[in-house]
Amino acid sequence: MRNKKLCKESKVIQTHRVFPYDLNHHKTLFGGKLMSFIDDTASISAARHGRGEIVTASMDKLDFLHPIYSNHSVCVETFVSGVGSQSMEVFAKVMGEDLDTGERYLAATSFLTFVRVAGYGEGEKLPLVIPQTAEEKMVCSGYEKRKAKRSEDKSFYTEFNQAVSLTTPWMDDE
C-alpha cells in the first residue's frame, strides 16, 4: 500500500522584510526576487514530502496579484498539493504585510512541479497527500485537472522548444 502524508507535514513558511535594494524601477519587490523566494520555500516542501533529492521541473503558474513595497514583509507559505509517482505539485501562497499599518494582502499564488532525481527512490512511489483544512482541500481538489493541463502543455512545448533557434543575433545565420 502507498504511504500517505498530511499537507501540513510539508508546510513551510518563510517571511522576509522588503528593503529598498529588493525593488524594481516601479519601487515594488522585483519579480525575480519573489520567484526565488517561492522556489526556495517550495523546494523545502517537496524535500519534506519526498525525503529525497528533488529538482524544480517548472513553475507552472505564477499570478502576481498585488505589488509588495519597501518596508512591507513578504510571507511565502507552501505545501505539497498533489503527487504523481515521481513528481510533486507544490502550491505557494504569497502574503504581503504593510509593517506600518498591519494591513495584510494576498500578493501572489503559484504552482510549481518538482521531480525526484533519477536513481533516488527508484521504484518507490511518493506518498499520497491528504488535505485537512478547507484551503488545503480546495487547492488539492484541482490537482488532477492541473496535472492533465501540464501534460497537454508538455507535448506542445516539447515540439515548440525543438523549433526555437539557437542562433544568436550577433552571429551569421549560415
N, C-alpha and C. Protein backbone atom coordinates (compact mmCIF):
# COMPACT_ATOMS: atom_id res chain seq x y z
N MET A 1 0.84 -1.19 0.00
CA MET A 1 0.00 0.00 0.00
C MET A 1 0.88 1.26 0.00
N ARG A 2 0.46 2.26 -0.70
CA ARG A 2 1.22 3.50 -0.84
C ARG A 2 1.12 4.34 0.43
N ASN A 3 2.25 4.89 0.87
CA ASN A 3 2.27 5.75 2.05
C ASN A 3 1.46 7.03 1.80
N LYS A 4 1.06 7.67 2.90
CA LYS A 4 0.32 8.92 2.83
C LYS A 4 0.92 9.90 3.82
N LYS A 5 0.85 11.19 3.47
CA LYS A 5 1.29 12.25 4.37
C LYS A 5 0.28 13.38 4.34
N LEU A 6 0.12 14.04 5.47
CA LEU A 6 -0.76 15.21 5.55
C LEU A 6 -0.09 16.40 4.87
N CYS A 7 -0.89 17.28 4.29
CA CYS A 7 -0.36 18.52 3.69
C CYS A 7 0.52 19.27 4.70
N LYS A 8 0.05 19.34 5.93
CA LYS A 8 0.77 20.14 6.92
C LYS A 8 2.17 19.60 7.21
N GLU A 9 2.42 18.33 6.87
CA GLU A 9 3.77 17.78 7.08
C GLU A 9 4.77 18.38 6.11
N SER A 10 4.28 18.94 4.99
CA SER A 10 5.18 19.56 4.02
C SER A 10 5.11 21.09 4.07
N LYS A 11 4.32 21.62 4.99
CA LYS A 11 4.13 23.07 5.04
C LYS A 11 5.42 23.78 5.47
N VAL A 12 5.73 24.85 4.72
CA VAL A 12 6.89 25.69 5.02
C VAL A 12 6.45 27.13 4.95
N ILE A 13 6.92 27.94 5.88
CA ILE A 13 6.61 29.37 5.89
C ILE A 13 7.92 30.14 6.02
N GLN A 14 8.15 31.03 5.07
CA GLN A 14 9.31 31.92 5.12
C GLN A 14 8.82 33.35 5.05
N THR A 15 9.37 34.19 5.90
CA THR A 15 9.00 35.60 5.89
C THR A 15 10.25 36.45 5.72
N HIS A 16 10.14 37.45 4.87
CA HIS A 16 11.27 38.34 4.59
C HIS A 16 10.80 39.79 4.67
N ARG A 17 11.67 40.65 5.10
CA ARG A 17 11.41 42.10 5.05
C ARG A 17 11.88 42.61 3.70
N VAL A 18 11.11 43.50 3.07
CA VAL A 18 11.46 44.05 1.78
C VAL A 18 12.23 45.36 2.00
N PHE A 19 13.45 45.39 1.49
CA PHE A 19 14.32 46.56 1.61
C PHE A 19 14.41 47.29 0.27
N PRO A 20 14.86 48.54 0.28
CA PRO A 20 14.96 49.30 -0.97
C PRO A 20 15.77 48.59 -2.07
N TYR A 21 16.81 47.84 -1.70
CA TYR A 21 17.62 47.16 -2.71
C TYR A 21 16.90 45.96 -3.33
N ASP A 22 15.72 45.57 -2.80
CA ASP A 22 14.92 44.48 -3.36
C ASP A 22 13.94 44.96 -4.43
N LEU A 23 13.90 46.27 -4.67
CA LEU A 23 12.86 46.85 -5.52
C LEU A 23 13.28 46.98 -6.98
N ASN A 24 12.26 46.99 -7.85
CA ASN A 24 12.48 47.26 -9.26
C ASN A 24 12.28 48.76 -9.52
N HIS A 25 12.25 49.17 -10.78
CA HIS A 25 12.11 50.59 -11.09
C HIS A 25 10.70 51.13 -10.81
N HIS A 26 9.74 50.25 -10.51
CA HIS A 26 8.39 50.68 -10.10
C HIS A 26 8.29 50.87 -8.58
N LYS A 27 9.42 50.63 -7.92
CA LYS A 27 9.51 50.73 -6.45
C LYS A 27 8.64 49.66 -5.75
N THR A 28 8.57 48.47 -6.41
CA THR A 28 7.91 47.30 -5.82
C THR A 28 8.90 46.15 -5.85
N LEU A 29 8.62 45.12 -5.06
CA LEU A 29 9.52 43.96 -5.00
C LEU A 29 9.77 43.41 -6.39
N PHE A 30 11.03 43.24 -6.75
CA PHE A 30 11.43 42.69 -8.03
C PHE A 30 10.85 41.28 -8.17
N GLY A 31 10.17 41.02 -9.31
CA GLY A 31 9.51 39.74 -9.53
C GLY A 31 10.46 38.55 -9.46
N GLY A 32 11.67 38.72 -9.97
CA GLY A 32 12.66 37.64 -9.91
C GLY A 32 13.05 37.28 -8.49
N LYS A 33 13.10 38.29 -7.64
CA LYS A 33 13.41 38.05 -6.22
C LYS A 33 12.29 37.24 -5.57
N LEU A 34 11.04 37.62 -5.87
CA LEU A 34 9.90 36.87 -5.34
C LEU A 34 9.91 35.45 -5.87
N MET A 35 10.22 35.26 -7.14
CA MET A 35 10.28 33.91 -7.71
C MET A 35 11.33 33.07 -6.99
N SER A 36 12.44 33.68 -6.66
CA SER A 36 13.48 32.97 -5.91
C SER A 36 12.99 32.57 -4.52
N PHE A 37 12.31 33.49 -3.83
CA PHE A 37 11.73 33.16 -2.51
C PHE A 37 10.76 31.98 -2.64
N ILE A 38 9.91 32.02 -3.67
CA ILE A 38 8.91 30.96 -3.87
C ILE A 38 9.59 29.62 -4.15
N ASP A 39 10.56 29.61 -5.06
CA ASP A 39 11.24 28.36 -5.40
C ASP A 39 11.98 27.78 -4.21
N ASP A 40 12.64 28.63 -3.46
CA ASP A 40 13.39 28.19 -2.28
C ASP A 40 12.44 27.55 -1.25
N THR A 41 11.35 28.22 -0.97
CA THR A 41 10.39 27.73 0.02
C THR A 41 9.72 26.44 -0.46
N ALA A 42 9.28 26.44 -1.72
CA ALA A 42 8.61 25.26 -2.27
C ALA A 42 9.53 24.05 -2.32
N SER A 43 10.81 24.28 -2.56
CA SER A 43 11.74 23.15 -2.62
C SER A 43 11.86 22.45 -1.27
N ILE A 44 11.71 23.19 -0.20
CA ILE A 44 11.75 22.58 1.14
C ILE A 44 10.50 21.73 1.34
N SER A 45 9.33 22.24 0.90
CA SER A 45 8.10 21.45 0.99
C SER A 45 8.26 20.13 0.24
N ALA A 46 8.79 20.20 -0.99
CA ALA A 46 8.96 19.00 -1.80
C ALA A 46 9.93 18.02 -1.14
N ALA A 47 11.02 18.55 -0.60
CA ALA A 47 12.00 17.68 0.06
C ALA A 47 11.41 17.04 1.32
N ARG A 48 10.61 17.78 2.07
CA ARG A 48 9.96 17.22 3.26
C ARG A 48 9.00 16.10 2.88
N HIS A 49 8.29 16.29 1.78
CA HIS A 49 7.31 15.28 1.37
C HIS A 49 8.00 14.05 0.79
N GLY A 50 8.97 14.28 -0.10
CA GLY A 50 9.61 13.16 -0.77
C GLY A 50 10.79 12.57 -0.04
N ARG A 51 11.34 13.33 0.90
CA ARG A 51 12.52 12.91 1.66
C ARG A 51 13.60 12.31 0.77
N GLY A 52 13.94 13.09 -0.23
CA GLY A 52 15.00 12.67 -1.13
C GLY A 52 15.46 13.83 -1.96
N GLU A 53 16.34 13.55 -2.90
CA GLU A 53 16.86 14.59 -3.75
C GLU A 53 15.82 14.95 -4.81
N ILE A 54 15.49 16.22 -4.89
CA ILE A 54 14.47 16.70 -5.83
C ILE A 54 15.02 17.91 -6.58
N VAL A 55 14.40 18.18 -7.73
CA VAL A 55 14.75 19.37 -8.50
C VAL A 55 13.47 20.04 -8.97
N THR A 56 13.55 21.35 -9.19
CA THR A 56 12.42 22.09 -9.75
C THR A 56 12.29 21.71 -11.22
N ALA A 57 11.11 21.27 -11.63
CA ALA A 57 10.86 20.96 -13.04
C ALA A 57 10.24 22.16 -13.73
N SER A 58 9.33 22.84 -13.03
CA SER A 58 8.69 24.00 -13.64
C SER A 58 7.97 24.84 -12.60
N MET A 59 7.83 26.11 -12.94
CA MET A 59 6.92 26.98 -12.21
C MET A 59 5.73 27.11 -13.16
N ASP A 60 4.70 26.33 -12.88
CA ASP A 60 3.60 26.16 -13.82
C ASP A 60 2.71 27.38 -13.92
N LYS A 61 2.54 28.06 -12.84
CA LYS A 61 1.62 29.19 -12.81
C LYS A 61 2.09 30.12 -11.72
N LEU A 62 2.20 31.39 -12.08
CA LEU A 62 2.53 32.41 -11.08
C LEU A 62 1.70 33.63 -11.39
N ASP A 63 0.82 33.96 -10.49
CA ASP A 63 -0.03 35.13 -10.66
C ASP A 63 0.38 36.19 -9.65
N PHE A 64 0.85 37.34 -10.16
CA PHE A 64 1.16 38.49 -9.32
C PHE A 64 -0.16 39.23 -9.11
N LEU A 65 -0.63 39.30 -7.88
CA LEU A 65 -1.94 39.86 -7.59
C LEU A 65 -1.91 41.24 -6.97
N HIS A 66 -0.85 41.54 -6.24
CA HIS A 66 -0.77 42.83 -5.53
C HIS A 66 0.70 43.18 -5.39
N PRO A 67 1.09 44.43 -5.66
CA PRO A 67 2.50 44.81 -5.50
C PRO A 67 2.93 44.78 -4.04
N ILE A 68 4.20 44.49 -3.83
CA ILE A 68 4.79 44.46 -2.49
C ILE A 68 5.82 45.58 -2.44
N TYR A 69 5.70 46.44 -1.44
CA TYR A 69 6.52 47.64 -1.37
C TYR A 69 7.62 47.53 -0.31
N SER A 70 8.54 48.48 -0.35
CA SER A 70 9.58 48.58 0.67
C SER A 70 8.93 48.78 2.04
N ASN A 71 9.54 48.22 3.04
CA ASN A 71 9.06 48.25 4.42
C ASN A 71 7.76 47.44 4.60
N HIS A 72 7.49 46.55 3.66
CA HIS A 72 6.45 45.54 3.85
C HIS A 72 7.18 44.23 4.09
N SER A 73 6.45 43.26 4.61
CA SER A 73 7.02 41.92 4.69
C SER A 73 6.37 41.07 3.61
N VAL A 74 7.08 40.06 3.18
CA VAL A 74 6.56 39.10 2.23
C VAL A 74 6.66 37.72 2.88
N CYS A 75 5.52 37.06 2.99
CA CYS A 75 5.44 35.75 3.63
C CYS A 75 5.05 34.73 2.57
N VAL A 76 5.91 33.74 2.35
CA VAL A 76 5.65 32.68 1.38
C VAL A 76 5.32 31.41 2.16
N GLU A 77 4.14 30.88 1.88
CA GLU A 77 3.68 29.65 2.54
C GLU A 77 3.47 28.60 1.46
N THR A 78 4.07 27.42 1.63
CA THR A 78 3.97 26.36 0.62
C THR A 78 3.60 25.03 1.26
N PHE A 79 2.97 24.18 0.44
CA PHE A 79 2.73 22.78 0.82
C PHE A 79 2.51 21.95 -0.43
N VAL A 80 2.77 20.65 -0.34
CA VAL A 80 2.54 19.75 -1.46
C VAL A 80 1.04 19.60 -1.65
N SER A 81 0.60 19.81 -2.91
CA SER A 81 -0.83 19.81 -3.21
C SER A 81 -1.25 18.66 -4.13
N GLY A 82 -0.31 17.84 -4.52
CA GLY A 82 -0.63 16.68 -5.35
C GLY A 82 0.64 15.94 -5.71
N VAL A 83 0.52 14.63 -5.95
CA VAL A 83 1.69 13.82 -6.30
C VAL A 83 1.39 12.86 -7.43
N GLY A 84 2.41 12.62 -8.24
CA GLY A 84 2.41 11.54 -9.20
C GLY A 84 3.27 10.43 -8.59
N SER A 85 3.86 9.61 -9.41
CA SER A 85 4.71 8.57 -8.82
C SER A 85 6.09 9.12 -8.46
N GLN A 86 6.61 10.04 -9.30
CA GLN A 86 7.94 10.62 -9.06
C GLN A 86 7.95 12.15 -9.08
N SER A 87 6.76 12.76 -9.20
CA SER A 87 6.69 14.22 -9.25
C SER A 87 5.70 14.74 -8.21
N MET A 88 5.90 15.99 -7.84
CA MET A 88 5.03 16.63 -6.85
C MET A 88 4.66 18.02 -7.32
N GLU A 89 3.43 18.41 -7.06
CA GLU A 89 2.99 19.78 -7.28
C GLU A 89 3.02 20.45 -5.92
N VAL A 90 3.57 21.66 -5.89
CA VAL A 90 3.63 22.44 -4.65
C VAL A 90 2.87 23.74 -4.88
N PHE A 91 1.97 24.06 -3.97
CA PHE A 91 1.23 25.32 -4.01
C PHE A 91 1.95 26.34 -3.15
N ALA A 92 2.04 27.56 -3.67
CA ALA A 92 2.66 28.66 -2.92
C ALA A 92 1.67 29.82 -2.81
N LYS A 93 1.50 30.29 -1.60
CA LYS A 93 0.67 31.47 -1.32
C LYS A 93 1.61 32.54 -0.79
N VAL A 94 1.53 33.73 -1.39
CA VAL A 94 2.40 34.83 -1.01
C VAL A 94 1.54 35.93 -0.40
N MET A 95 1.83 36.28 0.84
CA MET A 95 1.10 37.33 1.54
C MET A 95 2.04 38.49 1.83
N GLY A 96 1.54 39.67 1.62
CA GLY A 96 2.29 40.87 1.97
C GLY A 96 1.70 41.48 3.22
N GLU A 97 2.52 42.26 3.91
CA GLU A 97 2.03 42.98 5.09
C GLU A 97 2.70 44.34 5.15
N ASP A 98 1.89 45.37 5.26
CA ASP A 98 2.41 46.72 5.48
C ASP A 98 2.82 46.77 6.95
N LEU A 99 4.10 46.88 7.20
CA LEU A 99 4.60 46.83 8.58
C LEU A 99 4.25 48.06 9.39
N ASP A 100 3.86 49.16 8.75
CA ASP A 100 3.43 50.35 9.47
C ASP A 100 1.98 50.23 9.95
N THR A 101 1.11 49.67 9.10
CA THR A 101 -0.33 49.63 9.43
C THR A 101 -0.82 48.26 9.87
N GLY A 102 -0.07 47.21 9.51
CA GLY A 102 -0.52 45.85 9.82
C GLY A 102 -1.45 45.27 8.77
N GLU A 103 -1.77 46.04 7.73
CA GLU A 103 -2.65 45.54 6.67
C GLU A 103 -1.97 44.38 5.94
N ARG A 104 -2.73 43.28 5.80
CA ARG A 104 -2.22 42.10 5.09
C ARG A 104 -3.00 41.93 3.79
N TYR A 105 -2.34 41.37 2.78
CA TYR A 105 -2.98 41.19 1.47
C TYR A 105 -2.37 39.98 0.76
N LEU A 106 -3.16 39.37 -0.11
CA LEU A 106 -2.68 38.28 -0.94
C LEU A 106 -1.92 38.90 -2.11
N ALA A 107 -0.63 38.62 -2.19
CA ALA A 107 0.22 39.24 -3.20
C ALA A 107 0.42 38.37 -4.43
N ALA A 108 0.42 37.05 -4.26
CA ALA A 108 0.64 36.15 -5.40
C ALA A 108 0.26 34.73 -5.02
N THR A 109 -0.01 33.93 -6.03
CA THR A 109 -0.17 32.48 -5.86
C THR A 109 0.61 31.81 -6.97
N SER A 110 1.04 30.59 -6.71
CA SER A 110 1.85 29.88 -7.69
C SER A 110 1.74 28.38 -7.50
N PHE A 111 1.95 27.64 -8.59
CA PHE A 111 2.09 26.19 -8.55
C PHE A 111 3.42 25.85 -9.19
N LEU A 112 4.16 24.96 -8.54
CA LEU A 112 5.45 24.51 -9.05
C LEU A 112 5.43 22.99 -9.11
N THR A 113 6.23 22.43 -10.01
CA THR A 113 6.37 20.99 -10.09
C THR A 113 7.82 20.63 -9.77
N PHE A 114 7.98 19.65 -8.91
CA PHE A 114 9.30 19.12 -8.55
C PHE A 114 9.33 17.65 -8.91
N VAL A 115 10.49 17.16 -9.31
CA VAL A 115 10.63 15.74 -9.61
C VAL A 115 11.77 15.15 -8.79
N ARG A 116 11.61 13.88 -8.51
CA ARG A 116 12.64 13.14 -7.80
C ARG A 116 13.79 12.89 -8.78
N VAL A 117 15.01 13.06 -8.31
CA VAL A 117 16.19 12.86 -9.14
C VAL A 117 16.29 11.38 -9.49
N ALA A 118 16.61 11.11 -10.76
CA ALA A 118 16.75 9.72 -11.24
C ALA A 118 17.74 8.96 -10.36
N GLY A 119 17.37 7.73 -10.05
CA GLY A 119 18.24 6.89 -9.24
C GLY A 119 17.95 6.99 -7.75
N TYR A 120 17.14 7.99 -7.36
CA TYR A 120 16.82 8.16 -5.95
C TYR A 120 15.40 7.68 -5.70
N GLY A 121 15.23 6.70 -4.82
CA GLY A 121 13.91 6.17 -4.52
C GLY A 121 13.31 5.41 -5.70
N GLU A 122 14.17 4.88 -6.56
CA GLU A 122 13.74 4.16 -7.76
C GLU A 122 12.72 3.08 -7.40
N GLY A 123 11.60 3.08 -8.10
CA GLY A 123 10.57 2.06 -7.89
C GLY A 123 9.65 2.34 -6.72
N GLU A 124 10.02 3.30 -5.89
CA GLU A 124 9.21 3.64 -4.72
C GLU A 124 8.39 4.88 -5.04
N LYS A 125 7.08 4.76 -5.00
CA LYS A 125 6.23 5.91 -5.31
C LYS A 125 6.22 6.90 -4.16
N LEU A 126 6.06 8.16 -4.51
CA LEU A 126 5.96 9.21 -3.50
C LEU A 126 4.68 9.01 -2.69
N PRO A 127 4.69 9.42 -1.43
CA PRO A 127 3.48 9.30 -0.61
C PRO A 127 2.35 10.16 -1.18
N LEU A 128 1.15 9.68 -1.07
CA LEU A 128 -0.03 10.48 -1.43
C LEU A 128 -0.17 11.61 -0.43
N VAL A 129 -0.90 12.65 -0.79
CA VAL A 129 -1.07 13.80 0.09
C VAL A 129 -2.52 13.85 0.57
N ILE A 130 -2.68 14.13 1.85
CA ILE A 130 -4.00 14.18 2.48
C ILE A 130 -4.26 15.60 2.99
N PRO A 131 -5.20 16.31 2.35
CA PRO A 131 -5.54 17.67 2.83
C PRO A 131 -6.48 17.59 4.03
N GLN A 132 -6.36 18.57 4.93
CA GLN A 132 -7.24 18.61 6.11
C GLN A 132 -8.06 19.90 6.19
N THR A 133 -7.40 21.04 6.01
CA THR A 133 -8.12 22.31 6.15
C THR A 133 -8.97 22.58 4.91
N ALA A 134 -9.88 23.52 5.01
CA ALA A 134 -10.72 23.89 3.87
C ALA A 134 -9.85 24.40 2.71
N GLU A 135 -8.85 25.21 3.01
CA GLU A 135 -7.97 25.73 1.96
C GLU A 135 -7.19 24.59 1.30
N GLU A 136 -6.62 23.69 2.09
CA GLU A 136 -5.88 22.56 1.53
C GLU A 136 -6.78 21.70 0.63
N LYS A 137 -8.00 21.44 1.08
CA LYS A 137 -8.94 20.63 0.29
C LYS A 137 -9.26 21.33 -1.03
N MET A 138 -9.49 22.63 -1.00
CA MET A 138 -9.81 23.38 -2.20
C MET A 138 -8.63 23.33 -3.18
N VAL A 139 -7.42 23.58 -2.68
CA VAL A 139 -6.23 23.59 -3.54
C VAL A 139 -5.98 22.19 -4.11
N CYS A 140 -6.02 21.17 -3.27
CA CYS A 140 -5.73 19.81 -3.71
C CYS A 140 -6.79 19.25 -4.65
N SER A 141 -8.02 19.72 -4.52
CA SER A 141 -9.10 19.19 -5.36
C SER A 141 -8.88 19.48 -6.84
N GLY A 142 -8.12 20.49 -7.17
CA GLY A 142 -7.86 20.83 -8.56
C GLY A 142 -6.61 20.19 -9.15
N TYR A 143 -5.94 19.34 -8.38
CA TYR A 143 -4.66 18.77 -8.82
C TYR A 143 -4.78 17.98 -10.12
N GLU A 144 -5.74 17.08 -10.22
CA GLU A 144 -5.86 16.23 -11.41
C GLU A 144 -6.07 17.06 -12.66
N LYS A 145 -6.88 18.10 -12.57
CA LYS A 145 -7.14 18.98 -13.71
C LYS A 145 -5.86 19.73 -14.10
N ARG A 146 -5.12 20.24 -13.11
CA ARG A 146 -3.87 20.95 -13.40
C ARG A 146 -2.84 19.99 -13.99
N LYS A 147 -2.79 18.76 -13.49
CA LYS A 147 -1.84 17.76 -13.99
C LYS A 147 -2.15 17.43 -15.45
N ALA A 148 -3.41 17.27 -15.79
CA ALA A 148 -3.81 16.99 -17.17
C ALA A 148 -3.41 18.14 -18.09
N LYS A 149 -3.60 19.37 -17.61
CA LYS A 149 -3.23 20.56 -18.40
C LYS A 149 -1.72 20.61 -18.61
N ARG A 150 -0.95 20.29 -17.59
CA ARG A 150 0.51 20.27 -17.72
C ARG A 150 0.94 19.23 -18.75
N SER A 151 0.29 18.07 -18.73
CA SER A 151 0.61 17.01 -19.66
C SER A 151 0.31 17.44 -21.10
N GLU A 152 -0.82 18.08 -21.28
CA GLU A 152 -1.20 18.61 -22.59
C GLU A 152 -0.19 19.67 -23.05
N ASP A 153 0.16 20.57 -22.15
CA ASP A 153 1.11 21.62 -22.48
C ASP A 153 2.51 21.06 -22.78
N LYS A 154 2.88 19.98 -22.11
CA LYS A 154 4.21 19.40 -22.30
C LYS A 154 4.42 18.97 -23.75
N SER A 155 3.42 18.37 -24.35
CA SER A 155 3.52 17.96 -25.75
C SER A 155 3.76 19.16 -26.65
N PHE A 156 2.98 20.20 -26.44
CA PHE A 156 3.14 21.41 -27.24
C PHE A 156 4.55 21.99 -27.07
N TYR A 157 4.99 22.15 -25.81
CA TYR A 157 6.27 22.81 -25.56
C TYR A 157 7.46 21.95 -25.98
N THR A 158 7.32 20.65 -25.98
CA THR A 158 8.40 19.80 -26.47
C THR A 158 8.66 20.10 -27.93
N GLU A 159 7.59 20.14 -28.72
CA GLU A 159 7.71 20.47 -30.14
C GLU A 159 8.16 21.92 -30.34
N PHE A 160 7.56 22.81 -29.57
CA PHE A 160 7.91 24.24 -29.65
C PHE A 160 9.39 24.47 -29.39
N ASN A 161 9.90 23.88 -28.31
CA ASN A 161 11.29 24.11 -27.91
C ASN A 161 12.28 23.54 -28.92
N GLN A 162 11.88 22.49 -29.64
CA GLN A 162 12.75 21.93 -30.68
C GLN A 162 12.86 22.89 -31.87
N ALA A 163 11.85 23.74 -32.05
CA ALA A 163 11.85 24.68 -33.17
C ALA A 163 12.51 26.01 -32.84
N VAL A 164 12.82 26.26 -31.58
CA VAL A 164 13.44 27.52 -31.18
C VAL A 164 14.89 27.53 -31.65
N SER A 165 15.27 28.62 -32.28
CA SER A 165 16.61 28.76 -32.84
C SER A 165 17.65 28.99 -31.75
N LEU A 166 18.82 28.45 -31.97
CA LEU A 166 19.94 28.69 -31.07
C LEU A 166 20.92 29.69 -31.66
N THR A 167 20.56 30.25 -32.81
CA THR A 167 21.40 31.26 -33.45
C THR A 167 21.31 32.55 -32.66
N THR A 168 22.46 33.12 -32.38
CA THR A 168 22.48 34.39 -31.65
C THR A 168 22.45 35.54 -32.63
N PRO A 169 21.93 36.68 -32.23
CA PRO A 169 21.79 37.84 -33.14
C PRO A 169 23.13 38.36 -33.66
N TRP A 170 24.19 38.12 -32.97
CA TRP A 170 25.49 38.65 -33.40
C TRP A 170 26.26 37.65 -34.27
N MET A 171 25.62 36.51 -34.61
CA MET A 171 26.26 35.53 -35.48
C MET A 171 25.52 35.45 -36.80
N ASP A 172 26.19 34.99 -37.83
CA ASP A 172 25.52 34.78 -39.11
C ASP A 172 24.56 33.61 -39.00
N ASP A 173 23.49 33.66 -39.78
CA ASP A 173 22.51 32.56 -39.78
C ASP A 173 23.03 31.33 -40.52
N GLU A 174 24.13 31.47 -41.23
CA GLU A 174 24.63 30.38 -42.07
C GLU A 174 25.35 29.33 -41.28
